[in-house]
N, C-alpha and C. Protein backbone atom coordinates (compact mmCIF):
# COMPACT_ATOMS: atom_id res chain seq x y z
N MET A 1 21.41 -32.35 -33.19
CA MET A 1 21.63 -30.92 -33.02
C MET A 1 23.15 -30.62 -33.34
N ASN A 2 23.53 -29.60 -33.87
CA ASN A 2 24.97 -29.25 -33.93
C ASN A 2 25.20 -28.49 -32.61
N LYS A 3 26.57 -28.10 -32.52
CA LYS A 3 27.05 -27.37 -31.35
C LYS A 3 26.52 -25.91 -31.26
N ASN A 4 26.38 -25.21 -32.22
CA ASN A 4 25.81 -23.97 -32.02
C ASN A 4 24.32 -23.85 -31.70
N THR A 5 23.65 -24.72 -31.98
CA THR A 5 22.16 -25.00 -31.77
C THR A 5 21.96 -25.22 -30.49
N LYS A 6 23.02 -26.24 -29.87
CA LYS A 6 22.69 -26.44 -28.61
C LYS A 6 22.97 -25.29 -27.79
N GLN A 7 24.32 -24.44 -27.97
CA GLN A 7 24.48 -23.42 -27.02
C GLN A 7 23.46 -22.24 -26.99
N ILE A 8 22.76 -22.03 -28.26
CA ILE A 8 21.61 -21.31 -28.35
C ILE A 8 20.63 -21.72 -27.48
N ALA A 9 20.25 -23.09 -27.59
CA ALA A 9 19.06 -23.59 -26.65
C ALA A 9 19.32 -23.45 -24.99
N LEU A 10 20.62 -23.54 -24.70
CA LEU A 10 20.93 -23.49 -23.53
C LEU A 10 20.61 -21.97 -23.00
N ALA A 11 21.40 -21.04 -23.87
CA ALA A 11 21.13 -19.78 -23.64
C ALA A 11 19.57 -19.19 -23.39
N VAL A 12 18.93 -19.66 -24.30
CA VAL A 12 17.38 -19.14 -24.07
C VAL A 12 16.79 -20.16 -22.97
N ALA A 13 17.15 -21.23 -22.56
CA ALA A 13 16.64 -21.77 -21.43
C ALA A 13 16.85 -21.06 -20.09
N ALA A 14 18.31 -20.61 -20.13
CA ALA A 14 18.87 -19.86 -19.05
C ALA A 14 18.19 -18.48 -18.73
N LEU A 15 17.88 -17.82 -19.98
CA LEU A 15 17.05 -16.55 -19.96
C LEU A 15 15.71 -16.88 -19.47
N LEU A 16 15.11 -17.96 -20.04
CA LEU A 16 13.71 -18.12 -19.58
C LEU A 16 13.85 -18.43 -18.20
N VAL A 17 14.72 -19.11 -17.56
CA VAL A 17 14.50 -19.43 -16.18
C VAL A 17 14.88 -18.13 -15.29
N ALA A 18 15.71 -17.21 -15.76
CA ALA A 18 16.18 -15.96 -14.91
C ALA A 18 14.73 -15.14 -14.90
N ALA A 19 14.14 -15.00 -16.22
CA ALA A 19 12.92 -14.25 -16.43
C ALA A 19 11.99 -14.67 -15.48
N VAL A 20 11.50 -16.14 -15.14
CA VAL A 20 10.57 -16.79 -14.45
C VAL A 20 11.02 -16.64 -12.92
N VAL A 21 12.30 -16.55 -12.67
CA VAL A 21 12.74 -16.17 -11.13
C VAL A 21 12.36 -14.99 -10.92
N TRP A 22 12.72 -13.88 -11.79
CA TRP A 22 12.52 -12.48 -11.59
C TRP A 22 11.05 -12.27 -11.38
N TRP A 23 10.31 -12.87 -12.24
CA TRP A 23 8.82 -12.70 -12.38
C TRP A 23 8.13 -13.07 -11.02
N VAL A 24 8.60 -14.16 -10.37
CA VAL A 24 8.15 -14.68 -9.17
C VAL A 24 8.35 -13.98 -8.01
N GLN A 25 9.72 -13.47 -7.94
CA GLN A 25 10.35 -12.49 -6.83
C GLN A 25 9.40 -11.20 -6.94
N ASN A 26 9.25 -10.61 -8.04
CA ASN A 26 8.63 -9.35 -8.14
C ASN A 26 6.91 -9.56 -7.86
N ARG A 27 6.39 -10.48 -8.24
CA ARG A 27 5.19 -10.67 -7.93
C ARG A 27 5.04 -11.08 -6.54
N ASP A 28 5.68 -11.90 -5.99
CA ASP A 28 5.44 -11.94 -4.41
C ASP A 28 5.87 -11.00 -3.62
N GLY A 29 6.72 -10.26 -4.10
CA GLY A 29 7.07 -8.84 -3.03
C GLY A 29 6.39 -7.67 -3.33
N ALA A 30 5.57 -7.53 -4.57
CA ALA A 30 4.97 -6.35 -4.97
C ALA A 30 4.03 -5.88 -4.06
N ALA A 31 3.23 -6.67 -3.35
CA ALA A 31 2.26 -6.37 -2.36
C ALA A 31 2.82 -5.79 -1.16
N SER A 32 3.93 -6.34 -0.76
CA SER A 32 4.56 -6.06 0.57
C SER A 32 5.32 -4.71 0.16
N ARG A 33 6.04 -4.41 -0.96
CA ARG A 33 6.80 -3.35 -1.19
C ARG A 33 5.81 -1.91 -1.08
N ASP A 34 4.63 -2.03 -1.56
CA ASP A 34 3.72 -0.73 -1.71
C ASP A 34 2.97 -0.85 -0.46
N GLY A 35 2.98 -2.02 0.46
CA GLY A 35 2.27 -1.81 1.76
C GLY A 35 0.82 -1.76 1.54
N ASN A 36 0.30 -2.23 0.53
CA ASN A 36 -1.15 -2.54 0.31
C ASN A 36 -1.60 -3.76 0.08
N GLY A 37 -0.88 -4.82 0.46
CA GLY A 37 -1.38 -6.19 0.61
C GLY A 37 -0.47 -7.07 1.36
N PRO A 38 -0.71 -8.18 1.40
CA PRO A 38 0.05 -9.64 1.88
C PRO A 38 1.29 -9.56 1.73
N THR A 39 2.22 -10.04 2.50
CA THR A 39 3.77 -10.27 2.07
C THR A 39 3.69 -11.78 1.73
N SER A 40 2.75 -12.66 1.65
CA SER A 40 3.09 -13.73 1.23
C SER A 40 2.68 -14.12 -0.11
N GLY A 41 2.40 -13.29 -1.04
CA GLY A 41 2.19 -13.31 -2.41
C GLY A 41 0.78 -13.86 -2.73
N THR A 42 -0.14 -14.27 -1.77
CA THR A 42 -1.40 -14.78 -2.04
C THR A 42 -2.18 -13.82 -2.93
N ARG A 43 -2.95 -14.37 -3.62
CA ARG A 43 -3.82 -13.49 -4.51
C ARG A 43 -4.95 -12.95 -3.38
N ILE A 44 -5.48 -11.65 -3.90
CA ILE A 44 -6.42 -10.86 -3.52
C ILE A 44 -7.66 -10.77 -3.92
N GLY A 45 -8.80 -10.91 -3.30
CA GLY A 45 -10.01 -10.95 -3.99
C GLY A 45 -10.46 -9.70 -4.40
N PRO A 46 -11.57 -9.48 -4.99
CA PRO A 46 -12.06 -8.26 -5.50
C PRO A 46 -11.94 -7.26 -4.67
N ALA A 47 -12.04 -5.94 -5.03
CA ALA A 47 -11.99 -4.73 -3.95
C ALA A 47 -13.25 -4.61 -3.31
N PRO A 48 -13.25 -4.17 -1.98
CA PRO A 48 -14.38 -4.16 -1.05
C PRO A 48 -15.35 -3.33 -1.73
N THR A 49 -16.63 -3.51 -1.63
CA THR A 49 -17.80 -2.59 -2.01
C THR A 49 -18.64 -2.29 -0.82
N LEU A 50 -19.35 -1.00 -0.73
CA LEU A 50 -20.65 -0.94 0.07
C LEU A 50 -21.60 -1.56 -0.48
N PRO A 51 -22.73 -1.32 0.26
CA PRO A 51 -23.94 -1.90 -0.20
C PRO A 51 -24.38 -0.76 -1.42
N GLY A 52 -25.04 -1.44 -2.45
CA GLY A 52 -25.29 -0.71 -3.81
C GLY A 52 -23.90 -0.81 -4.73
N GLY A 53 -22.98 -1.37 -4.24
CA GLY A 53 -21.83 -1.54 -5.30
C GLY A 53 -20.83 -0.55 -5.44
N ALA A 54 -20.97 0.56 -4.63
CA ALA A 54 -19.95 1.53 -4.62
C ALA A 54 -18.72 1.17 -3.65
N PRO A 55 -17.68 1.62 -4.31
CA PRO A 55 -16.19 1.40 -3.47
C PRO A 55 -16.38 2.25 -2.29
N PRO A 56 -15.71 1.77 -1.40
CA PRO A 56 -15.43 2.72 -0.17
C PRO A 56 -14.63 3.92 -0.19
N ALA A 57 -14.92 4.94 0.45
CA ALA A 57 -14.03 6.14 0.00
C ALA A 57 -12.55 6.17 0.72
N GLN A 58 -11.52 6.27 0.08
CA GLN A 58 -10.19 6.28 0.60
C GLN A 58 -10.11 7.42 1.74
N GLN A 59 -9.65 6.88 2.72
CA GLN A 59 -9.23 7.91 3.91
C GLN A 59 -8.06 8.44 3.66
N THR A 60 -8.06 9.62 3.83
CA THR A 60 -6.91 10.41 3.84
C THR A 60 -6.18 10.49 5.42
N PRO A 61 -4.90 10.24 5.65
CA PRO A 61 -4.20 10.47 6.87
C PRO A 61 -4.44 11.79 7.40
N LYS A 62 -4.88 11.70 8.86
CA LYS A 62 -5.07 12.94 9.43
C LYS A 62 -3.76 13.60 9.92
N ARG A 63 -3.65 14.88 9.82
CA ARG A 63 -2.55 15.62 10.61
C ARG A 63 -2.75 15.82 11.87
N PRO A 64 -1.91 15.51 12.95
CA PRO A 64 -2.03 15.69 14.36
C PRO A 64 -2.34 17.27 14.21
N ALA A 65 -3.25 17.50 15.53
CA ALA A 65 -3.64 18.86 15.64
C ALA A 65 -2.38 19.31 16.34
N PRO A 66 -2.20 20.79 16.04
CA PRO A 66 -1.08 21.63 16.56
C PRO A 66 -1.00 21.42 18.08
N GLN A 67 0.13 21.24 18.81
CA GLN A 67 0.11 21.09 20.08
C GLN A 67 0.54 22.64 20.77
N PRO A 68 -0.14 22.88 21.89
CA PRO A 68 0.30 24.35 22.59
C PRO A 68 1.59 24.06 22.97
N PRO A 69 2.39 25.16 23.12
CA PRO A 69 3.69 25.12 23.55
C PRO A 69 3.84 24.51 24.91
N HIS A 70 4.86 23.42 25.12
CA HIS A 70 4.94 22.98 26.33
C HIS A 70 5.61 23.85 27.58
N ASP A 71 5.15 23.69 28.66
CA ASP A 71 5.90 24.43 29.78
C ASP A 71 6.91 23.75 30.10
N THR A 72 8.02 24.36 30.71
CA THR A 72 9.41 23.42 31.16
C THR A 72 9.35 22.74 32.38
N SER A 73 8.17 22.56 33.16
CA SER A 73 8.19 21.94 34.45
C SER A 73 8.35 20.54 34.25
N PRO A 74 8.66 19.73 35.09
CA PRO A 74 8.99 18.26 34.66
C PRO A 74 7.48 17.64 34.71
N ALA A 75 7.44 16.71 33.78
CA ALA A 75 6.00 16.05 33.80
C ALA A 75 5.97 15.07 34.86
N PRO A 76 4.88 14.33 35.32
CA PRO A 76 5.00 13.32 36.11
C PRO A 76 6.08 12.15 35.66
N PRO A 77 6.84 11.78 36.56
CA PRO A 77 7.68 10.71 36.05
C PRO A 77 7.11 9.44 35.99
N THR A 78 7.73 8.58 34.91
CA THR A 78 7.35 7.13 34.79
C THR A 78 8.57 6.65 33.84
N THR A 79 8.69 5.07 33.99
CA THR A 79 9.64 4.44 33.30
C THR A 79 9.45 4.57 31.65
N PRO A 80 10.65 4.71 31.05
CA PRO A 80 10.39 4.82 29.71
C PRO A 80 9.69 3.20 29.20
N ALA A 81 8.46 3.40 28.32
CA ALA A 81 7.95 2.12 28.16
C ALA A 81 8.58 1.71 26.67
N SER A 82 9.98 1.59 26.36
CA SER A 82 10.30 1.55 25.02
C SER A 82 10.61 -0.02 24.90
N LYS A 83 10.46 -0.85 25.83
CA LYS A 83 10.72 -2.26 25.59
C LYS A 83 9.38 -2.97 25.56
N PRO A 84 9.08 -4.23 25.02
CA PRO A 84 7.74 -4.77 25.03
C PRO A 84 7.62 -5.22 26.26
N GLY A 85 6.52 -5.02 26.81
CA GLY A 85 6.09 -5.53 28.20
C GLY A 85 6.54 -4.92 29.61
N ALA A 86 7.18 -3.65 28.95
CA ALA A 86 7.95 -2.87 30.24
C ALA A 86 6.68 -2.16 30.98
N THR A 87 6.79 -2.18 32.33
CA THR A 87 5.73 -1.72 33.27
C THR A 87 6.16 -0.32 33.58
N VAL A 88 5.23 0.56 33.80
CA VAL A 88 5.49 2.05 34.10
C VAL A 88 5.41 2.20 35.72
N THR A 89 6.48 2.67 35.89
CA THR A 89 6.74 2.72 37.72
C THR A 89 7.12 4.33 37.71
N PRO A 90 6.75 4.67 38.84
CA PRO A 90 7.35 6.16 39.35
C PRO A 90 8.87 6.46 39.29
N VAL A 91 9.38 7.28 38.77
CA VAL A 91 10.95 7.78 38.98
C VAL A 91 10.76 9.08 39.51
N LYS A 92 12.16 9.48 39.92
CA LYS A 92 12.37 10.67 40.43
C LYS A 92 12.63 11.56 39.27
N ALA A 93 11.69 12.68 38.81
CA ALA A 93 12.09 13.38 37.60
C ALA A 93 12.88 14.51 37.64
N THR A 94 13.84 14.64 38.61
CA THR A 94 14.59 15.72 38.48
C THR A 94 15.67 15.63 37.26
N PHE A 95 15.94 16.63 36.74
CA PHE A 95 16.96 16.79 35.57
C PHE A 95 17.52 18.15 35.64
N ASN A 96 18.61 18.25 34.71
CA ASN A 96 19.31 19.72 34.89
C ASN A 96 19.48 19.67 33.47
N VAL A 97 19.02 20.94 32.97
CA VAL A 97 19.29 21.31 31.61
C VAL A 97 19.57 22.78 31.59
N GLU A 98 19.92 23.23 32.78
CA GLU A 98 20.43 24.57 33.03
C GLU A 98 21.77 25.08 32.15
N PHE A 99 22.66 23.91 31.79
CA PHE A 99 23.89 24.26 30.95
C PHE A 99 23.50 24.67 29.56
N ILE A 100 22.21 24.49 29.17
CA ILE A 100 21.99 24.51 27.79
C ILE A 100 21.34 26.07 27.78
N ARG A 101 22.32 26.96 27.08
CA ARG A 101 21.96 28.36 27.31
C ARG A 101 20.92 28.74 26.32
N ASP A 102 20.90 28.21 24.95
CA ASP A 102 19.69 28.73 24.15
C ASP A 102 18.39 28.20 24.70
N THR A 103 17.45 29.03 24.87
CA THR A 103 16.19 28.69 25.40
C THR A 103 15.33 27.63 24.49
N ASP A 104 15.51 27.79 23.00
CA ASP A 104 14.70 27.09 22.22
C ASP A 104 15.29 25.68 22.46
N GLU A 105 16.52 25.37 22.30
CA GLU A 105 17.09 24.23 22.33
C GLU A 105 16.61 23.34 23.93
N ARG A 106 16.82 24.39 24.86
CA ARG A 106 16.61 23.63 26.24
C ARG A 106 15.06 23.10 25.97
N ALA A 107 14.07 24.03 25.55
CA ALA A 107 12.65 23.57 25.70
C ALA A 107 12.47 22.42 24.69
N ALA A 108 13.52 22.08 23.63
CA ALA A 108 13.27 20.96 22.95
C ALA A 108 13.71 19.87 23.70
N VAL A 109 14.77 19.88 24.18
CA VAL A 109 15.23 18.76 25.37
C VAL A 109 14.35 18.43 26.31
N VAL A 110 13.63 19.47 27.04
CA VAL A 110 12.81 19.13 28.06
C VAL A 110 11.59 18.36 27.73
N GLU A 111 11.09 18.88 26.11
CA GLU A 111 9.91 17.96 25.75
C GLU A 111 10.19 16.60 25.44
N VAL A 112 11.51 16.38 24.92
CA VAL A 112 11.64 14.96 24.68
C VAL A 112 11.75 14.35 26.17
N ILE A 113 12.26 14.82 27.14
CA ILE A 113 12.34 14.21 28.41
C ILE A 113 11.19 13.99 28.89
N LYS A 114 10.04 14.67 28.75
CA LYS A 114 8.87 14.50 29.37
C LYS A 114 8.27 13.37 28.34
N ALA A 115 8.44 13.27 27.17
CA ALA A 115 7.87 12.12 26.21
C ALA A 115 8.62 10.96 26.86
N ILE A 116 9.97 10.96 27.18
CA ILE A 116 10.61 9.64 27.41
C ILE A 116 9.88 9.28 28.77
N ASP A 117 9.77 10.14 29.72
CA ASP A 117 9.12 9.77 31.00
C ASP A 117 7.83 9.34 30.97
N ALA A 118 6.99 9.77 29.89
CA ALA A 118 5.57 9.58 29.66
C ALA A 118 5.47 8.02 28.91
N GLY A 119 6.68 7.62 28.29
CA GLY A 119 6.61 6.53 27.46
C GLY A 119 6.26 6.80 25.98
N GLY A 120 6.11 8.15 25.48
CA GLY A 120 5.76 8.31 24.15
C GLY A 120 4.57 9.44 24.24
N PRO A 121 4.15 9.92 22.99
CA PRO A 121 4.52 9.68 21.62
C PRO A 121 5.98 10.25 21.30
N PHE A 122 6.45 9.77 20.54
CA PHE A 122 7.76 10.22 19.66
C PHE A 122 7.51 10.78 18.47
N ARG A 123 8.15 11.69 18.02
CA ARG A 123 8.26 12.37 16.54
C ARG A 123 8.73 11.36 15.73
N TYR A 124 9.85 10.57 15.88
CA TYR A 124 10.66 9.67 14.95
C TYR A 124 10.56 8.32 15.26
N ARG A 125 10.56 7.56 14.22
CA ARG A 125 10.35 6.35 14.13
C ARG A 125 11.53 5.33 14.91
N LYS A 126 12.70 5.98 14.91
CA LYS A 126 13.95 5.47 15.54
C LYS A 126 13.95 5.64 16.98
N ASP A 127 12.98 6.83 17.49
CA ASP A 127 13.04 6.81 18.92
C ASP A 127 12.87 5.82 19.79
N GLY A 128 13.71 5.62 20.69
CA GLY A 128 13.26 4.22 21.59
C GLY A 128 14.07 3.38 21.02
N SER A 129 14.79 3.05 20.19
CA SER A 129 15.65 1.92 19.63
C SER A 129 16.65 1.76 20.51
N THR A 130 17.41 0.84 20.30
CA THR A 130 18.60 0.38 21.29
C THR A 130 19.74 1.26 20.79
N TRP A 131 20.48 1.97 21.67
CA TRP A 131 21.72 2.61 21.41
C TRP A 131 22.76 1.67 21.95
N GLU A 132 23.60 1.61 20.69
CA GLU A 132 24.97 0.73 21.25
C GLU A 132 26.00 1.02 21.95
N ASN A 133 26.09 2.14 22.19
CA ASN A 133 27.50 2.83 22.72
C ASN A 133 28.69 2.40 22.28
N ARG A 134 28.61 2.22 20.71
CA ARG A 134 29.83 1.92 19.82
C ARG A 134 31.10 3.05 20.39
N GLU A 135 30.69 4.30 20.58
CA GLU A 135 31.71 5.18 20.76
C GLU A 135 32.38 4.89 22.23
N ARG A 136 31.58 4.29 22.94
CA ARG A 136 32.23 3.81 24.56
C ARG A 136 32.35 5.11 25.23
N ARG A 137 31.47 6.21 24.96
CA ARG A 137 31.70 7.44 25.85
C ARG A 137 30.89 7.39 27.20
N LEU A 138 30.02 6.74 27.21
CA LEU A 138 28.99 6.41 28.27
C LEU A 138 29.51 4.99 28.92
N PRO A 139 29.09 4.97 30.41
CA PRO A 139 29.55 3.56 31.04
C PRO A 139 29.11 2.36 30.35
N LYS A 140 30.08 1.34 30.30
CA LYS A 140 29.64 0.26 29.80
C LYS A 140 28.45 -0.58 30.43
N ARG A 141 27.42 -0.97 29.62
CA ARG A 141 26.33 -1.57 29.91
C ARG A 141 25.90 -2.79 29.18
N PRO A 142 25.17 -3.85 29.32
CA PRO A 142 24.86 -4.69 28.45
C PRO A 142 23.89 -4.10 27.37
N MET A 143 24.18 -5.01 26.15
CA MET A 143 23.43 -4.55 24.89
C MET A 143 21.90 -4.54 25.21
N GLY A 144 21.11 -3.35 24.97
CA GLY A 144 19.87 -3.05 25.03
C GLY A 144 19.54 -2.17 26.41
N TYR A 145 20.60 -1.66 27.07
CA TYR A 145 20.44 -0.94 28.52
C TYR A 145 20.14 0.33 28.02
N TYR A 146 20.82 0.97 26.95
CA TYR A 146 20.59 2.37 26.48
C TYR A 146 19.73 2.48 25.28
N HIS A 147 18.77 3.59 25.11
CA HIS A 147 17.93 3.89 24.15
C HIS A 147 18.02 5.25 23.70
N GLU A 148 18.03 5.62 22.30
CA GLU A 148 18.34 6.89 21.82
C GLU A 148 16.75 7.68 21.44
N TYR A 149 16.87 8.96 21.69
CA TYR A 149 15.73 9.76 21.33
C TYR A 149 16.30 11.15 20.79
N THR A 150 15.54 11.41 19.56
CA THR A 150 15.90 12.50 18.83
C THR A 150 15.31 13.94 19.46
N VAL A 151 16.17 14.88 19.53
CA VAL A 151 15.88 16.19 19.82
C VAL A 151 15.97 17.07 18.73
N ASP A 152 15.02 17.57 18.35
CA ASP A 152 15.00 18.40 16.94
C ASP A 152 16.03 19.31 16.93
N THR A 153 16.87 19.20 15.70
CA THR A 153 17.85 20.08 15.41
C THR A 153 17.11 21.21 14.11
N PRO A 154 16.91 22.55 14.60
CA PRO A 154 16.68 23.41 13.53
C PRO A 154 17.45 23.45 12.33
N GLY A 155 16.69 23.50 11.04
CA GLY A 155 17.47 23.68 10.14
C GLY A 155 17.86 22.48 9.39
N SER A 156 17.92 21.34 10.13
CA SER A 156 18.28 20.02 9.45
C SER A 156 17.28 19.28 8.79
N ASP A 157 18.00 18.82 7.64
CA ASP A 157 16.85 17.83 6.68
C ASP A 157 16.54 16.58 7.11
N ASP A 158 17.18 16.17 8.21
CA ASP A 158 17.23 14.63 8.82
C ASP A 158 16.98 14.92 10.13
N ARG A 159 17.15 13.82 11.01
CA ARG A 159 17.23 13.73 12.26
C ARG A 159 18.04 14.80 13.04
N GLY A 160 18.98 15.14 12.47
CA GLY A 160 19.88 16.05 12.98
C GLY A 160 20.97 15.54 14.03
N ALA A 161 21.69 16.37 14.83
CA ALA A 161 22.80 15.67 15.57
C ALA A 161 22.36 15.61 17.14
N ARG A 162 21.30 16.19 17.41
CA ARG A 162 20.91 16.09 18.75
C ARG A 162 20.20 14.71 19.42
N ARG A 163 20.72 14.31 20.53
CA ARG A 163 20.11 12.90 20.90
C ARG A 163 20.01 13.19 22.65
N LEU A 164 19.03 12.34 23.01
CA LEU A 164 19.09 12.08 24.40
C LEU A 164 19.12 10.69 24.36
N ILE A 165 20.11 10.29 25.27
CA ILE A 165 20.34 8.63 25.71
C ILE A 165 19.84 8.36 26.82
N ALA A 166 18.77 7.48 27.08
CA ALA A 166 18.24 6.94 28.30
C ALA A 166 18.90 5.85 28.68
N GLY A 167 19.04 5.37 29.87
CA GLY A 167 19.47 4.13 30.31
C GLY A 167 18.33 3.68 31.26
N ASP A 168 18.48 2.28 31.37
CA ASP A 168 17.57 1.50 32.09
C ASP A 168 17.30 1.75 33.54
N GLN A 169 18.20 2.76 34.24
CA GLN A 169 18.09 3.06 35.62
C GLN A 169 17.74 4.43 35.51
N HIS A 170 16.98 4.96 34.23
CA HIS A 170 16.40 6.58 34.25
C HIS A 170 17.41 7.45 33.99
N GLU A 171 18.56 7.08 33.97
CA GLU A 171 19.64 8.34 33.64
C GLU A 171 19.59 8.62 32.14
N LEU A 172 19.66 9.93 32.21
CA LEU A 172 19.78 10.60 30.84
C LEU A 172 21.06 11.36 30.41
N TYR A 173 21.44 11.04 29.24
CA TYR A 173 22.65 12.07 28.73
C TYR A 173 22.15 12.68 27.26
N TYR A 174 22.81 13.85 27.19
CA TYR A 174 22.38 14.75 26.02
C TYR A 174 23.67 14.89 25.18
N THR A 175 23.54 14.85 23.94
CA THR A 175 24.70 15.04 23.00
C THR A 175 24.31 15.94 21.89
N ARG A 176 24.67 16.97 21.66
CA ARG A 176 24.31 17.90 20.60
C ARG A 176 25.37 17.68 19.34
N ASP A 177 26.17 16.87 19.52
CA ASP A 177 27.18 16.72 18.27
C ASP A 177 27.23 15.01 18.12
N HIS A 178 26.07 14.55 17.94
CA HIS A 178 25.92 13.29 17.45
C HIS A 178 26.90 12.07 18.06
N TYR A 179 26.66 12.11 19.33
CA TYR A 179 27.55 11.22 20.08
C TYR A 179 29.13 11.72 20.25
N GLY A 180 29.48 12.50 19.87
CA GLY A 180 30.72 13.21 19.99
C GLY A 180 31.07 13.24 21.51
N SER A 181 30.19 14.05 22.27
CA SER A 181 30.30 14.30 23.72
C SER A 181 28.88 14.27 24.20
N PHE A 182 28.87 13.99 25.49
CA PHE A 182 27.78 14.07 26.54
C PHE A 182 27.72 14.76 27.58
N THR A 183 26.64 15.12 28.10
CA THR A 183 26.29 15.78 29.36
C THR A 183 25.61 15.02 30.19
N ASN A 184 25.59 14.85 31.19
CA ASN A 184 24.52 13.92 32.18
C ASN A 184 23.54 14.99 32.57
N VAL A 185 22.35 14.71 32.16
CA VAL A 185 21.09 15.31 32.29
C VAL A 185 20.51 14.88 33.81
N ARG A 186 20.38 13.62 33.73
CA ARG A 186 19.77 12.95 35.05
C ARG A 186 20.54 11.89 35.25
N ALA A 187 21.02 11.88 37.03
CA ALA A 187 21.66 10.52 37.25
C ALA A 187 20.80 9.40 37.31
N ALA A 188 21.47 8.11 37.44
CA ALA A 188 20.69 6.95 37.74
C ALA A 188 19.91 6.79 38.84
N GLN A 189 18.66 6.32 39.01
CA GLN A 189 17.75 6.48 40.19
C GLN A 189 17.98 5.21 40.85
């Protein structure tokens, strides 16, 4: 073989290896990316059928029923169940949101406080996740001490800027400017 033929053979071999690697990665990840199959890349058998050979009907996700407006009285207090294995224990449910002049904003904050005290449900997937206090505007605590919750921001295309930060001692801090400043809503218990 001459020099040019060897170079062409090596280039073709490299392309073939790259194509096989790409194919294996895409084949193994396809089921997990679309959420319809296993993540291990194992083959899936034939589609399930009902007696008589008919495929089962696809279920459409149900929308939650509209909730009646919440009153602004405090809910029965409990510890946020945001950590795995957390137990629910009574806490003092006093909080102060009187500094919020806009009644709609105040009602939204109270609604999230009630959800925190009840352990959920929460509207956003990230609600209850660890908040790291990177800005260091709240008292320094160990990682995992603070958890963030979204308060709806009207007109926002995403979660908006409003958050409640809950500490492990049931304290609550409210920010309407995405962690720029905080107001203590409930003291540590």
